[in-house]
Amino acid sequence: MLLNIINRFSTSTTSSFSDIIICGGGMVGTTMACALAKMPCLSDKSITLIEAFPQQNFVPSKSYSNRVSAISPFSKNLLERLGIWKNIKRYQEVHNMKIWGLYPESLLNIDNKENGKVAYIVENSDIIQAVTNEIQTVSNLRVLYKKNVSTVNLQNSPLSLPQIILDDGSEHQCSLLIGADGVNSKVRKAMDINYLTWDYNQMGVVATLEMSERESNNTAWQRFLPEGPIALLPLSNNFSSLVWSTTKTNARNLLNMPNENFVEAVNTSLSKQYNTSDVVKAANETVHTILNTIGLPKTKKTLEQPPNIIDIVNGSRAAFPLGFGHSVQYATSNVILIGDAAHRVHPLAGQGVNLGFQDVDSLVKVLSDAVRNGREIGDIEDLTKYESFCQQNNVPVMTFIELIHRIYTSERGAIQALGDICLQIANAYDPVKTQINKRALFSRSN
């Protein structure tokens, strides 16, 4: 406490002090700010959110945005507790997810037997607007829009607090600095910690697609192809969002081809039949024999027909680079990383923003415990607890995603067949499906 008082009075007229500063106002950073500002034990603390973009004013239009997220039941529960979910304008429930590989025998059907919901598909802009509306109800949070961080000063001495210098020259000091500033995080770079990263040499192609209208469109579809997975996420009864991970060359072709050719390419990728090699046939027979021997049902040999795409919404095509990233540390004294600043994953499991929301929930619990026990905000002992808990949850999920990606993008047919075999076994054994659903796809293990 004495240290905070000294720093408040030692700052110059161009400086300001906040107990907590969050750098980055995306979905995760803004939700973090909202969660902290609503904590009763932090009601007397000052919180500042620094956001490079202007304040958003999202109004749903007839056309859906091409950037959406699959919000897990865990993440939805977090947003409900914070009063954010009620501000969401529109979303589509996902009741089940059908995953398959090159061959029809590899079907894995994921559902949630507890509440019938696997995920909720929401436009990213809608989420940010919902959080923005909610943070206006709290009094101890200040948001600095259209402000870029030029410098992050972190002294190695435990007696020095983090300092942020913005592009307007203003200086901001805090007891706890939270880096929520994405994959190119300036906060992480200033921490001078090891960061594992590599490029997948892939692009994620996104678009909004019109389908033949269905009575209900509550299924998410994902197929693993040699170039990368293709997924359809439901938006309404006749619209779905496409996320197609593919090579950079193919991505450029997909972006430039006429609409009708693009639609044909999507339909072909979802329905194309691959010749079954002798190796795959032998492997499938072995799997079926094993399943029968141990009394588990055979997986279905036929896959329900995926939706038929009839058109693409003009201007909805876009692409973004795909890569992996993981910070060996999430915490140093008075500094913490959350969201993409700490971990970046392939979109094949729809897990990115959900891992970020898990970080939010974990850090709130750690800080609440610290304040109740009279410790200073930013105490390295507490931040290390957060780091340990998140790493234990994140690393297995990230490893699973990386393994699936490498199996299906392997140039060796036998390895690709292994992925299909794993899907068959998982579909036949309910406990495995339950763990996949909890750990790797759209929700978090408790």
Protein backbone atom coordinates (compact mmCIF):
# COMPACT_ATOMS: atom_id res chain seq x y z
CA MET A 1 0.00 0.00 0.00
CA LEU A 2 2.80 2.43 0.88
CA LEU A 3 4.42 1.74 -2.49
CA ASN A 4 1.23 2.68 -4.30
CA ILE A 5 0.90 5.96 -2.37
CA ILE A 6 4.51 6.90 -3.11
CA ASN A 7 4.05 6.26 -6.81
CA ARG A 8 0.79 8.23 -6.98
CA PHE A 9 2.51 11.35 -5.63
CA SER A 10 5.79 10.89 -7.47
CA THR A 11 4.26 10.99 -10.97
CA SER A 12 4.52 14.19 -13.00
CA THR A 13 1.57 16.23 -14.26
CA THR A 14 1.72 14.31 -17.59
CA SER A 15 1.47 10.97 -15.79
CA SER A 16 -1.38 9.08 -14.24
CA PHE A 17 -1.66 6.06 -11.97
CA SER A 18 -4.15 3.19 -12.13
CA ASP A 19 -4.22 0.16 -9.92
CA ILE A 20 -4.76 -2.02 -13.01
CA ILE A 21 -4.13 -1.31 -16.69
CA ILE A 22 -5.33 -3.60 -19.47
CA CYS A 23 -3.63 -3.17 -22.84
CA GLY A 24 -5.91 -4.31 -25.64
CA GLY A 25 -9.67 -3.95 -25.92
CA GLY A 26 -10.67 -6.92 -28.07
CA MET A 27 -13.20 -9.50 -26.92
CA VAL A 28 -10.94 -10.89 -24.19
CA GLY A 29 -9.35 -7.62 -23.03
CA THR A 30 -12.67 -5.77 -22.74
CA THR A 31 -14.27 -8.71 -20.93
CA MET A 32 -11.29 -8.74 -18.54
CA ALA A 33 -11.85 -5.05 -17.80
CA CYS A 34 -15.55 -5.64 -17.20
CA ALA A 35 -14.90 -8.60 -14.90
CA LEU A 36 -12.38 -6.68 -12.77
CA ALA A 37 -14.52 -3.56 -12.53
CA LYS A 38 -17.45 -5.66 -11.30
CA MET A 39 -15.48 -7.42 -8.55
CA PRO A 40 -16.76 -6.10 -5.19
CA CYS A 41 -13.32 -6.45 -3.62
CA LEU A 42 -11.86 -4.15 -6.32
CA SER A 43 -14.56 -1.47 -6.14
CA ASP A 44 -12.08 0.99 -4.63
CA LYS A 45 -9.42 0.29 -7.27
CA SER A 46 -8.91 2.30 -10.44
CA ILE A 47 -8.88 0.36 -13.70
CA THR A 48 -7.85 1.62 -17.14
CA LEU A 49 -8.45 -0.09 -20.48
CA ILE A 50 -6.31 1.07 -23.41
CA GLU A 51 -7.80 0.39 -26.85
CA ALA A 52 -6.25 1.35 -30.21
CA PHE A 53 -9.55 1.46 -32.11
CA PRO A 54 -12.49 3.87 -31.74
CA GLN A 55 -15.44 2.93 -29.57
CA GLN A 56 -17.60 0.50 -31.51
CA ASN A 57 -21.23 1.06 -32.41
CA PHE A 58 -22.33 -2.30 -33.80
CA VAL A 59 -25.80 -2.49 -35.27
CA PRO A 60 -26.80 -5.87 -36.72
CA SER A 61 -27.53 -5.68 -40.42
CA LYS A 62 -29.23 -8.16 -42.72
CA SER A 63 -25.80 -9.49 -43.70
CA TYR A 64 -23.76 -11.32 -41.09
CA SER A 65 -20.14 -10.44 -40.38
CA ASN A 66 -17.58 -12.91 -41.71
CA ARG A 67 -15.75 -12.99 -38.34
CA VAL A 68 -17.62 -15.11 -35.81
CA SER A 69 -16.74 -17.14 -32.73
CA ALA A 70 -18.02 -20.45 -31.40
CA ILE A 71 -18.74 -19.55 -27.78
CA SER A 72 -18.61 -22.56 -25.45
CA PRO A 73 -21.20 -23.14 -22.70
CA PHE A 74 -18.49 -22.26 -20.16
CA SER A 75 -17.78 -18.94 -21.90
CA LYS A 76 -21.50 -18.18 -22.23
CA ASN A 77 -21.87 -18.78 -18.51
CA LEU A 78 -19.04 -16.33 -17.81
CA LEU A 79 -20.64 -13.68 -20.04
CA GLU A 80 -24.00 -14.24 -18.33
CA ARG A 81 -22.47 -13.80 -14.87
CA LEU A 82 -20.93 -10.51 -15.97
CA GLY A 83 -24.24 -9.25 -17.40
CA ILE A 84 -22.83 -9.23 -20.93
CA TRP A 85 -24.82 -12.00 -22.61
CA LYS A 86 -28.11 -10.13 -22.29
CA ASN A 87 -26.67 -7.49 -24.64
CA ILE A 88 -25.93 -9.99 -27.43
CA LYS A 89 -28.19 -9.09 -30.36
CA ARG A 90 -28.23 -12.40 -32.22
CA TYR A 91 -26.67 -15.83 -32.04
CA GLN A 92 -27.27 -19.34 -33.28
CA GLU A 93 -27.23 -22.39 -31.05
CA VAL A 94 -25.15 -25.40 -32.08
CA HIS A 95 -26.77 -28.64 -30.90
CA ASN A 96 -24.23 -31.01 -32.40
CA MET A 97 -21.06 -31.07 -34.44
CA LYS A 98 -20.23 -33.56 -37.16
CA ILE A 99 -16.53 -34.13 -37.78
CA TRP A 100 -15.08 -36.40 -40.43
CA GLY A 101 -11.96 -36.90 -42.48
CA LEU A 102 -11.24 -38.20 -45.94
CA TYR A 103 -13.45 -41.27 -45.61
CA PRO A 104 -17.11 -41.64 -44.56
CA GLU A 105 -16.24 -44.20 -41.85
CA SER A 106 -14.47 -41.50 -39.85
CA LEU A 107 -17.59 -39.71 -38.58
CA LEU A 108 -17.41 -38.26 -35.06
CA ASN A 109 -20.64 -36.76 -33.75
CA ILE A 110 -20.30 -34.39 -30.80
CA ASP A 111 -23.27 -33.29 -28.74
CA ASN A 112 -23.87 -32.01 -25.24
CA LYS A 113 -26.18 -34.33 -23.36
CA GLU A 114 -26.31 -32.03 -20.33
CA ASN A 115 -28.05 -29.04 -21.88
CA GLY A 116 -28.23 -29.84 -25.60
CA LYS A 117 -25.92 -26.97 -26.58
CA VAL A 118 -22.40 -27.55 -27.89
CA ALA A 119 -21.71 -23.91 -28.70
CA TYR A 120 -23.22 -20.56 -29.66
CA ILE A 121 -22.14 -18.87 -32.90
CA VAL A 122 -21.86 -15.11 -32.37
CA GLU A 123 -20.41 -12.33 -34.51
CA ASN A 124 -17.24 -10.94 -32.94
CA SER A 125 -18.49 -7.37 -33.32
CA ASP A 126 -21.66 -8.28 -31.45
CA ILE A 127 -19.63 -9.63 -28.53
CA ILE A 128 -17.45 -6.52 -28.33
CA GLN A 129 -20.50 -4.26 -28.49
CA ALA A 130 -22.23 -6.26 -25.77
CA VAL A 131 -19.21 -5.90 -23.46
CA THR A 132 -18.87 -2.21 -24.36
CA ASN A 133 -22.48 -1.61 -23.34
CA GLU A 134 -21.95 -3.37 -20.03
CA ILE A 135 -18.75 -1.57 -19.00
CA GLN A 136 -20.60 1.72 -19.22
CA THR A 137 -22.49 0.67 -16.09
CA VAL A 138 -19.37 0.59 -13.88
CA SER A 139 -17.77 3.66 -12.31
CA ASN A 140 -14.20 2.58 -11.54
CA LEU A 141 -13.24 1.79 -15.16
CA ARG A 142 -11.75 4.32 -17.56
CA VAL A 143 -11.46 3.44 -21.26
CA LEU A 144 -8.94 5.25 -23.47
CA TYR A 145 -10.04 4.73 -27.07
CA LYS A 146 -7.90 5.45 -30.15
CA LYS A 147 -4.72 5.24 -28.07
CA ASN A 148 -1.71 3.26 -29.23
CA VAL A 149 0.98 2.02 -26.86
CA SER A 150 4.38 3.25 -28.00
CA THR A 151 6.50 2.00 -25.10
CA VAL A 152 6.17 -0.52 -22.29
CA ASN A 153 8.70 0.00 -19.50
CA LEU A 154 9.18 -2.92 -17.14
CA GLN A 155 11.97 -2.62 -14.61
CA ASN A 156 13.51 -5.79 -13.25
CA SER A 157 13.57 -4.35 -9.75
CA PRO A 158 10.61 -5.47 -7.59
CA LEU A 159 10.31 -1.89 -6.30
CA SER A 160 9.49 -0.52 -9.78
CA LEU A 161 6.00 -0.60 -11.25
CA PRO A 162 5.07 -1.07 -14.93
CA GLN A 163 4.83 2.08 -17.04
CA ILE A 164 2.98 2.57 -20.32
CA ILE A 165 3.74 5.46 -22.67
CA LEU A 166 1.09 6.18 -25.28
CA ASP A 167 1.55 7.71 -28.72
CA ASP A 168 0.28 11.05 -27.40
CA GLY A 169 3.21 11.15 -24.95
CA SER A 170 1.13 10.50 -21.83
CA GLU A 171 2.59 8.17 -19.20
CA HIS A 172 0.55 5.65 -17.23
CA GLN A 173 1.79 3.61 -14.27
CA CYS A 174 0.06 0.73 -12.50
CA SER A 175 0.36 -1.98 -9.89
CA LEU A 176 -0.79 -4.66 -12.33
CA LEU A 177 -0.36 -4.57 -16.10
CA ILE A 178 -2.46 -7.03 -18.11
CA GLY A 179 -1.34 -7.73 -21.67
CA ALA A 180 -4.37 -8.51 -23.81
CA ASP A 181 -2.84 -6.98 -26.93
CA GLY A 182 -2.88 -9.97 -29.25
CA VAL A 183 -0.33 -12.15 -31.02
CA ASN A 184 2.10 -9.26 -31.52
CA SER A 185 1.84 -8.19 -27.90
CA LYS A 186 4.10 -5.31 -26.90
CA VAL A 187 3.58 -6.23 -23.27
CA ARG A 188 4.88 -9.75 -23.89
CA LYS A 189 7.90 -8.45 -25.79
CA ALA A 190 8.72 -6.07 -22.94
CA MET A 191 8.59 -8.99 -20.48
CA ASP A 192 11.56 -10.51 -22.36
CA ILE A 193 10.35 -14.08 -22.00
CA ASN A 194 10.59 -17.07 -24.31
CA TYR A 195 7.83 -17.30 -26.91
CA LEU A 196 7.40 -20.40 -29.06
CA THR A 197 5.98 -19.57 -32.46
CA TRP A 198 5.76 -20.89 -36.01
CA ASP A 199 3.87 -20.21 -39.21
CA TYR A 200 1.55 -22.93 -40.54
CA ASN A 201 2.04 -21.65 -44.09
CA GLN A 202 -1.75 -21.57 -44.25
CA MET A 203 -4.49 -18.97 -44.51
CA GLY A 204 -7.90 -19.08 -42.93
CA VAL A 205 -10.46 -18.18 -45.58
CA VAL A 206 -13.74 -16.88 -44.17
CA ALA A 207 -17.03 -16.06 -45.87
CA THR A 208 -20.77 -15.91 -45.25
CA LEU A 209 -22.61 -18.55 -47.25
CA GLU A 210 -26.24 -18.95 -48.22
CA MET A 211 -27.62 -22.48 -48.11
CA SER A 212 -30.73 -24.22 -49.24
CA GLU A 213 -33.06 -23.29 -46.38
CA ARG A 214 -33.36 -25.96 -43.72
CA GLU A 215 -36.03 -26.47 -41.10
CA SER A 216 -33.34 -26.04 -38.47
CA ASN A 217 -29.67 -25.24 -38.91
CA ASN A 218 -28.13 -26.19 -35.57
CA THR A 219 -25.28 -28.40 -36.73
CA ALA A 220 -21.65 -27.38 -37.16
CA TRP A 221 -19.81 -29.33 -39.85
CA GLN A 222 -16.07 -29.87 -40.10
CA ARG A 223 -14.08 -32.01 -42.48
CA PHE A 224 -10.33 -32.61 -42.30
CA LEU A 225 -8.74 -32.40 -45.74
CA PRO A 226 -5.08 -32.81 -46.74
CA GLU A 227 -4.69 -29.03 -47.16
CA GLY A 228 -6.45 -28.24 -43.88
CA PRO A 229 -9.92 -28.38 -42.29
CA ILE A 230 -13.07 -26.79 -43.70
CA ALA A 231 -15.89 -25.87 -41.33
CA LEU A 232 -19.45 -24.55 -41.59
CA LEU A 233 -20.84 -22.76 -38.53
CA PRO A 234 -24.60 -22.08 -38.47
CA LEU A 235 -25.81 -18.47 -38.40
CA SER A 236 -29.50 -18.93 -39.22
CA ASN A 237 -31.72 -21.42 -41.01
CA ASN A 238 -30.28 -20.42 -44.38
CA PHE A 239 -26.89 -18.85 -43.64
CA SER A 240 -23.64 -20.33 -42.33
CA SER A 241 -20.16 -18.98 -41.70
CA LEU A 242 -17.25 -20.62 -43.49
CA VAL A 243 -13.79 -21.11 -41.98
CA TRP A 244 -11.52 -22.89 -44.46
CA SER A 245 -7.89 -23.46 -43.49
CA THR A 246 -5.84 -24.10 -46.60
CA THR A 247 -2.53 -23.41 -48.31
CA LYS A 248 -1.64 -19.83 -49.12
CA THR A 249 -1.75 -20.58 -52.85
CA ASN A 250 -5.22 -22.12 -52.65
CA ALA A 251 -6.40 -19.28 -50.41
CA ARG A 252 -5.41 -16.70 -53.02
CA ASN A 253 -7.25 -18.69 -55.67
CA LEU A 254 -10.36 -18.93 -53.49
CA LEU A 255 -10.35 -15.18 -52.87
CA ASN A 256 -10.06 -14.31 -56.56
CA MET A 257 -12.40 -16.80 -58.25
CA PRO A 258 -15.98 -15.87 -59.28
CA ASN A 259 -18.74 -16.47 -56.75
CA GLU A 260 -20.17 -19.49 -58.56
CA ASN A 261 -16.76 -21.16 -58.70
CA PHE A 262 -16.21 -20.47 -55.01
CA VAL A 263 -19.56 -22.05 -54.12
CA GLU A 264 -18.70 -25.09 -56.24
CA ALA A 265 -15.30 -25.39 -54.51
CA VAL A 266 -16.93 -25.40 -51.06
CA ASN A 267 -19.56 -27.98 -52.00
CA THR A 268 -16.93 -30.20 -53.63
CA SER A 269 -14.66 -30.06 -50.58
CA LEU A 270 -17.52 -31.15 -48.32
CA SER A 271 -18.75 -33.97 -50.57
CA LYS A 272 -15.70 -35.22 -52.52
CA GLN A 273 -15.13 -38.97 -52.28
CA TYR A 274 -11.54 -40.15 -51.85
CA ASN A 275 -10.37 -43.55 -53.04
CA THR A 276 -9.80 -45.86 -50.10
CA SER A 277 -6.33 -47.37 -50.20
CA ASP A 278 -5.55 -50.93 -49.17
CA VAL A 279 -3.86 -49.60 -46.04
CA VAL A 280 -6.98 -47.70 -45.02
CA LYS A 281 -9.26 -50.66 -45.79
CA ALA A 282 -7.14 -52.97 -43.65
CA ALA A 283 -7.06 -50.40 -40.83
CA ASN A 284 -10.85 -49.95 -40.90
CA GLU A 285 -11.44 -53.70 -40.78
CA THR A 286 -9.11 -53.97 -37.79
CA VAL A 287 -10.90 -51.13 -35.98
CA HIS A 288 -14.31 -52.70 -36.58
CA THR A 289 -13.06 -56.05 -35.29
CA ILE A 290 -11.66 -54.45 -32.13
CA LEU A 291 -14.86 -52.51 -31.47
CA ASN A 292 -16.95 -55.66 -31.86
CA THR A 293 -14.61 -57.65 -29.61
CA ILE A 294 -14.86 -55.18 -26.73
CA GLY A 295 -18.60 -54.71 -27.23
CA LEU A 296 -18.64 -51.16 -28.58
CA PRO A 297 -20.90 -50.22 -31.49
CA LYS A 298 -19.48 -49.74 -34.95
CA THR A 299 -19.35 -46.20 -36.19
CA LYS A 300 -21.76 -45.30 -38.93
CA LYS A 301 -20.49 -45.94 -42.43
CA THR A 302 -22.61 -43.22 -43.98
CA LEU A 303 -22.53 -39.51 -43.27
CA GLU A 304 -25.59 -37.30 -43.35
CA GLN A 305 -25.45 -35.00 -46.37
CA PRO A 306 -23.83 -31.65 -45.45
CA PRO A 307 -25.79 -28.49 -46.33
CA ASN A 308 -25.87 -27.51 -49.99
CA ILE A 309 -24.33 -24.08 -50.51
CA ILE A 310 -26.17 -22.05 -53.16
CA ASP A 311 -24.51 -18.62 -52.92
CA ILE A 312 -21.97 -16.44 -51.16
CA VAL A 313 -22.70 -13.03 -49.66
CA ASN A 314 -20.91 -10.44 -51.78
CA GLY A 315 -17.91 -8.88 -50.07
CA SER A 316 -17.81 -11.47 -47.28
CA ARG A 317 -14.69 -13.29 -48.48
CA ALA A 318 -11.48 -12.58 -46.53
CA ALA A 319 -8.37 -14.40 -45.34
CA PHE A 320 -5.95 -14.21 -42.41
CA PRO A 321 -2.63 -15.99 -41.72
CA LEU A 322 -2.54 -18.96 -39.38
CA GLY A 323 0.18 -19.65 -36.87
CA PHE A 324 1.02 -21.12 -33.49
CA GLY A 325 2.28 -19.21 -30.50
CA HIS A 326 2.76 -19.93 -26.82
CA SER A 327 4.49 -17.93 -24.13
CA VAL A 328 6.60 -20.09 -21.85
CA GLN A 329 5.64 -17.72 -19.03
CA TYR A 330 2.36 -15.85 -18.54
CA ALA A 331 3.53 -13.84 -15.55
CA THR A 332 6.34 -11.73 -14.20
CA SER A 333 6.24 -9.35 -11.25
CA ASN A 334 3.24 -7.00 -11.67
CA VAL A 335 2.61 -8.18 -15.25
CA ILE A 336 0.31 -10.86 -16.68
CA LEU A 337 -0.65 -12.11 -20.15
CA ILE A 338 -4.09 -13.26 -21.26
CA GLY A 339 -5.70 -14.35 -24.52
CA ASP A 340 -3.77 -14.32 -27.78
CA ALA A 341 -0.91 -12.46 -26.12
CA ALA A 342 -0.23 -15.68 -24.19
CA HIS A 343 -1.38 -18.36 -26.61
CA ARG A 344 -2.32 -18.63 -30.27
CA VAL A 345 -3.87 -21.79 -31.73
CA HIS A 346 -5.06 -23.14 -35.05
CA PRO A 347 -8.78 -22.41 -35.57
CA LEU A 348 -9.60 -26.07 -36.33
CA ALA A 349 -11.13 -26.54 -32.86
CA GLY A 350 -12.80 -23.15 -32.49
CA GLN A 351 -10.96 -22.78 -29.20
CA GLY A 352 -9.06 -19.47 -29.40
CA VAL A 353 -11.45 -17.02 -27.73
CA ASN A 354 -12.65 -19.67 -25.28
CA LEU A 355 -9.12 -20.12 -23.95
CA GLY A 356 -9.03 -16.35 -23.52
CA PHE A 357 -12.29 -16.30 -21.57
CA GLN A 358 -10.89 -19.09 -19.40
CA ASP A 359 -7.92 -16.81 -18.65
CA VAL A 360 -10.32 -14.07 -17.58
CA ASP A 361 -12.19 -16.38 -15.21
CA SER A 362 -8.96 -17.76 -13.74
CA LEU A 363 -7.36 -14.37 -13.13
CA VAL A 364 -10.51 -13.01 -11.49
CA LYS A 365 -10.49 -15.91 -9.02
CA VAL A 366 -6.79 -15.47 -8.24
CA LEU A 367 -7.03 -11.71 -7.70
CA SER A 368 -10.16 -12.07 -5.59
CA ASP A 369 -8.37 -14.50 -3.31
CA ALA A 370 -5.32 -12.21 -3.13
CA VAL A 371 -7.31 -9.12 -2.12
CA ARG A 372 -9.34 -11.03 0.46
CA ASN A 373 -6.09 -12.18 2.05
CA GLY A 374 -4.66 -8.64 2.13
CA ARG A 375 -1.98 -9.05 -0.55
CA GLU A 376 -1.01 -6.35 -3.04
CA ILE A 377 -2.37 -6.56 -6.57
CA GLY A 378 0.40 -7.81 -8.81
CA ASP A 379 2.09 -9.98 -6.19
CA ILE A 380 4.19 -12.49 -8.13
CA GLU A 381 3.02 -15.34 -5.88
CA ASP A 382 -0.58 -14.82 -6.99
CA LEU A 383 0.30 -14.27 -10.64
CA THR A 384 2.29 -17.49 -10.62
CA LYS A 385 -0.79 -19.32 -9.37
CA TYR A 386 -2.72 -17.94 -12.35
CA GLU A 387 0.06 -18.97 -14.72
CA SER A 388 0.23 -22.50 -13.31
CA PHE A 389 -3.51 -23.06 -13.48
CA CYS A 390 -3.84 -21.74 -17.03
CA GLN A 391 -0.82 -23.62 -18.33
CA GLN A 392 -2.19 -26.87 -16.93
CA ASN A 393 -5.42 -26.31 -18.86
CA ASN A 394 -4.07 -24.66 -22.01
CA VAL A 395 -1.07 -26.84 -22.83
CA PRO A 396 -3.00 -30.12 -23.19
CA VAL A 397 -5.61 -28.42 -25.40
CA MET A 398 -2.95 -26.76 -27.55
CA THR A 399 -1.05 -30.04 -27.85
CA PHE A 400 -4.20 -31.87 -28.94
CA ILE A 401 -4.97 -29.24 -31.58
CA GLU A 402 -1.40 -29.33 -32.88
CA LEU A 403 -1.44 -33.13 -33.06
CA ILE A 404 -4.68 -33.19 -35.07
CA HIS A 405 -3.35 -30.54 -37.43
CA ARG A 406 -0.11 -32.41 -38.07
CA ILE A 407 -1.87 -35.75 -38.60
CA TYR A 408 -4.26 -34.46 -41.22
CA THR A 409 -1.80 -32.26 -43.08
CA SER A 410 0.79 -35.01 -43.28
CA GLU A 411 1.76 -36.03 -46.81
CA ARG A 412 1.77 -39.68 -45.74
CA GLY A 413 -1.54 -41.43 -46.32
CA ALA A 414 -0.99 -43.87 -43.47
CA ILE A 415 -0.72 -41.01 -40.98
CA GLN A 416 -3.88 -39.37 -42.34
CA ALA A 417 -5.62 -42.73 -41.98
CA LEU A 418 -4.57 -42.76 -38.32
CA GLY A 419 -6.58 -39.58 -37.79
CA ASP A 420 -9.67 -41.17 -39.31
CA ILE A 421 -9.22 -44.26 -37.14
CA CYS A 422 -9.01 -42.10 -34.02
CA LEU A 423 -12.28 -40.40 -34.98
CA GLN A 424 -13.98 -43.79 -35.36
CA ILE A 425 -12.80 -44.99 -31.96
CA ALA A 426 -13.78 -41.69 -30.32
CA ASN A 427 -17.27 -41.87 -31.82
CA ALA A 428 -17.78 -45.41 -30.52
CA TYR A 429 -16.64 -44.67 -26.96
CA ASP A 430 -18.77 -42.06 -25.17
CA PRO A 431 -16.23 -41.19 -22.40
CA VAL A 432 -13.71 -40.23 -25.08
CA LYS A 433 -16.29 -38.03 -26.84
CA THR A 434 -17.14 -36.39 -23.53
CA GLN A 435 -13.51 -35.51 -22.86
CA ILE A 436 -13.02 -34.22 -26.42
CA ASN A 437 -16.04 -32.00 -25.98
CA LYS A 438 -14.85 -30.71 -22.62
CA ARG A 439 -11.15 -30.40 -23.33
CA ALA A 440 -10.63 -29.58 -26.97
CA LEU A 441 -13.61 -28.42 -28.93
CA PHE A 442 -15.98 -25.88 -27.49
CA SER A 443 -15.82 -25.96 -23.71
CA ARG A 444 -13.53 -26.17 -20.72
CA SER A 445 -13.01 -28.84 -18.16
CA ASN A 446 -14.12 -27.75 -14.69
